[in-house]
Amino acid sequence: MKNNQSRRNKGFTLIELLVVVLILGILTAIALPSYLSSVNASRQGAANTNARALATAVQGKAITAGSYDTTLADYATDLGGAVPLNPCTGTTTGYTITSTATTATVAAQAGTNCTSGWVPQVFSLTL
């Protein structure tokens, strides 16, 4: 009789396992949307930060040249050898530079990796 009782007390019951699975499911349902939101916010922040660095390079080159250059590849050396990756588009060409004679704007492009409602920060430059 004693041998039979010790065998029953060694494992988990089905109810205990179901409760653990239920708790893990609830925690996942709460944590996953928060995690995805955090990843999305960090992508948007990185895209804006990279656009700011590009705007600094554009302004620096415009001061020495006297006009704005809208060719993105021309700023690779000023940015450490390569244009930074835009995490929202997944490419290094995910930035827009527009200019007139004395003004320019630099912005990251909103891609498929960021939410559709995100509006990138626009950096305005003036000579």
Protein backbone atom coordinates (compact mmCIF):
# COMPACT_ATOMS: atom_id res chain seq x y z
CA MET A 1 0.00 0.00 0.00
CA LYS A 2 2.79 2.42 0.84
CA ASN A 3 4.48 1.84 -2.53
CA ASN A 4 1.28 2.68 -4.39
CA GLN A 5 0.80 6.01 -2.52
CA SER A 6 4.34 7.24 -3.18
CA ARG A 7 3.95 6.63 -6.89
CA ARG A 8 0.85 8.85 -7.03
CA ASN A 9 2.51 11.79 -5.24
CA LYS A 10 5.52 12.06 -7.55
CA GLY A 11 4.04 13.87 -10.56
CA PHE A 12 1.87 16.84 -11.44
CA THR A 13 -1.84 16.43 -11.92
CA LEU A 14 -3.55 17.40 -15.13
CA ILE A 15 -5.29 20.30 -13.38
CA GLU A 16 -1.97 21.70 -12.15
CA LEU A 17 -0.53 21.55 -15.66
CA LEU A 18 -3.61 23.23 -17.14
CA VAL A 19 -3.39 26.04 -14.58
CA VAL A 20 0.28 26.66 -15.47
CA VAL A 21 -0.51 26.68 -19.20
CA LEU A 22 -3.40 29.07 -18.59
CA ILE A 23 -1.20 31.46 -16.58
CA LEU A 24 1.49 31.38 -19.29
CA GLY A 25 -1.15 32.10 -21.94
CA ILE A 26 -2.46 35.10 -20.03
CA LEU A 27 1.04 36.48 -19.48
CA THR A 28 1.84 36.06 -23.18
CA ALA A 29 -1.40 37.78 -24.21
CA ILE A 30 -0.50 40.75 -22.03
CA ALA A 31 3.23 40.94 -22.78
CA LEU A 32 3.30 40.37 -26.56
CA PRO A 33 1.41 43.55 -27.62
CA SER A 34 3.54 45.61 -25.26
CA TYR A 35 6.71 44.09 -26.69
CA LEU A 36 5.63 44.71 -30.29
CA SER A 37 4.72 48.31 -29.44
CA SER A 38 8.13 48.82 -27.88
CA VAL A 39 9.92 47.39 -30.93
CA ASN A 40 7.89 49.65 -33.22
CA ALA A 41 8.66 52.74 -31.12
CA SER A 42 12.38 51.94 -31.14
CA ARG A 43 12.37 51.57 -34.95
CA GLN A 44 10.67 54.95 -35.32
CA GLY A 45 13.08 56.58 -32.88
CA ALA A 46 16.09 55.11 -34.68
CA ALA A 47 14.78 56.30 -38.05
CA ASN A 48 14.34 59.85 -36.70
CA THR A 49 17.79 59.79 -35.08
CA ASN A 50 19.41 58.63 -38.32
CA ALA A 51 17.56 61.36 -40.24
CA ARG A 52 18.88 63.93 -37.75
CA ALA A 53 22.45 62.69 -38.33
CA LEU A 54 21.88 62.91 -42.07
CA ALA A 55 20.51 66.46 -41.67
CA THR A 56 23.67 67.43 -39.80
CA ALA A 57 25.80 66.04 -42.63
CA VAL A 58 23.66 67.83 -45.23
CA GLN A 59 24.00 71.14 -43.40
CA GLY A 60 27.75 70.73 -42.96
CA LYS A 61 28.30 70.01 -46.64
CA ALA A 62 25.99 72.87 -47.69
CA ILE A 63 27.92 75.37 -45.60
CA THR A 64 31.18 74.52 -47.37
CA ALA A 65 29.63 74.12 -50.85
CA GLY A 66 27.19 77.03 -50.68
CA SER A 67 24.20 74.91 -51.80
CA TYR A 68 22.33 71.78 -50.81
CA ASP A 69 23.07 68.41 -52.41
CA THR A 70 20.10 66.02 -52.54
CA THR A 71 22.07 62.91 -53.55
CA LEU A 72 21.90 60.60 -50.56
CA ALA A 73 25.03 58.61 -51.45
CA ASP A 74 27.18 61.77 -51.31
CA TYR A 75 26.88 61.82 -47.52
CA ALA A 76 28.19 58.31 -46.83
CA THR A 77 31.70 59.46 -45.91
CA ASP A 78 30.35 62.16 -43.60
CA LEU A 79 28.26 59.51 -41.81
CA GLY A 80 31.11 57.13 -41.05
CA GLY A 81 31.41 55.40 -44.42
CA ALA A 82 27.79 54.45 -45.10
CA VAL A 83 24.33 55.92 -44.95
CA PRO A 84 22.60 54.39 -41.91
CA LEU A 85 19.90 51.78 -42.38
CA ASN A 86 16.35 53.06 -42.01
CA PRO A 87 14.72 50.44 -39.74
CA CYS A 88 11.25 51.36 -41.04
CA THR A 89 12.09 50.58 -44.66
CA GLY A 90 14.96 48.15 -44.12
CA THR A 91 17.16 50.02 -46.63
CA THR A 92 19.85 52.67 -46.62
CA THR A 93 17.88 54.66 -49.19
CA GLY A 94 14.93 55.20 -46.86
CA TYR A 95 15.54 58.94 -46.41
CA THR A 96 14.32 61.92 -48.40
CA ILE A 97 16.30 65.11 -48.98
CA THR A 98 14.47 67.96 -50.73
CA SER A 99 15.92 71.38 -51.32
CA THR A 100 15.51 74.80 -52.84
CA ALA A 101 18.26 77.38 -53.30
CA THR A 102 18.62 78.20 -49.60
CA THR A 103 16.50 75.66 -47.70
CA ALA A 104 16.35 71.90 -47.40
CA THR A 105 14.38 69.26 -45.52
CA VAL A 106 15.50 65.80 -44.43
CA ALA A 107 13.12 63.05 -43.29
CA ALA A 108 13.03 59.31 -42.89
CA GLN A 109 10.54 57.46 -45.05
CA ALA A 110 7.78 55.50 -43.33
CA GLY A 111 8.06 51.90 -44.44
CA THR A 112 6.25 48.65 -43.83
CA ASN A 113 8.24 47.88 -40.64
CA CYS A 114 6.67 50.82 -38.80
CA THR A 115 3.00 51.47 -38.13
CA SER A 116 0.99 53.10 -40.87
CA GLY A 117 0.03 56.07 -38.70
CA TRP A 118 3.61 57.13 -38.00
CA VAL A 119 4.62 60.54 -39.36
CA PRO A 120 8.42 60.90 -39.55
CA GLN A 121 10.06 63.97 -38.07
CA VAL A 122 11.09 66.52 -40.72
CA PHE A 123 14.32 68.43 -40.19
CA SER A 124 14.33 71.88 -41.85
CA LEU A 125 17.65 73.45 -42.81
CA THR A 126 18.48 76.98 -43.94
CA LEU A 127 21.68 78.44 -45.38
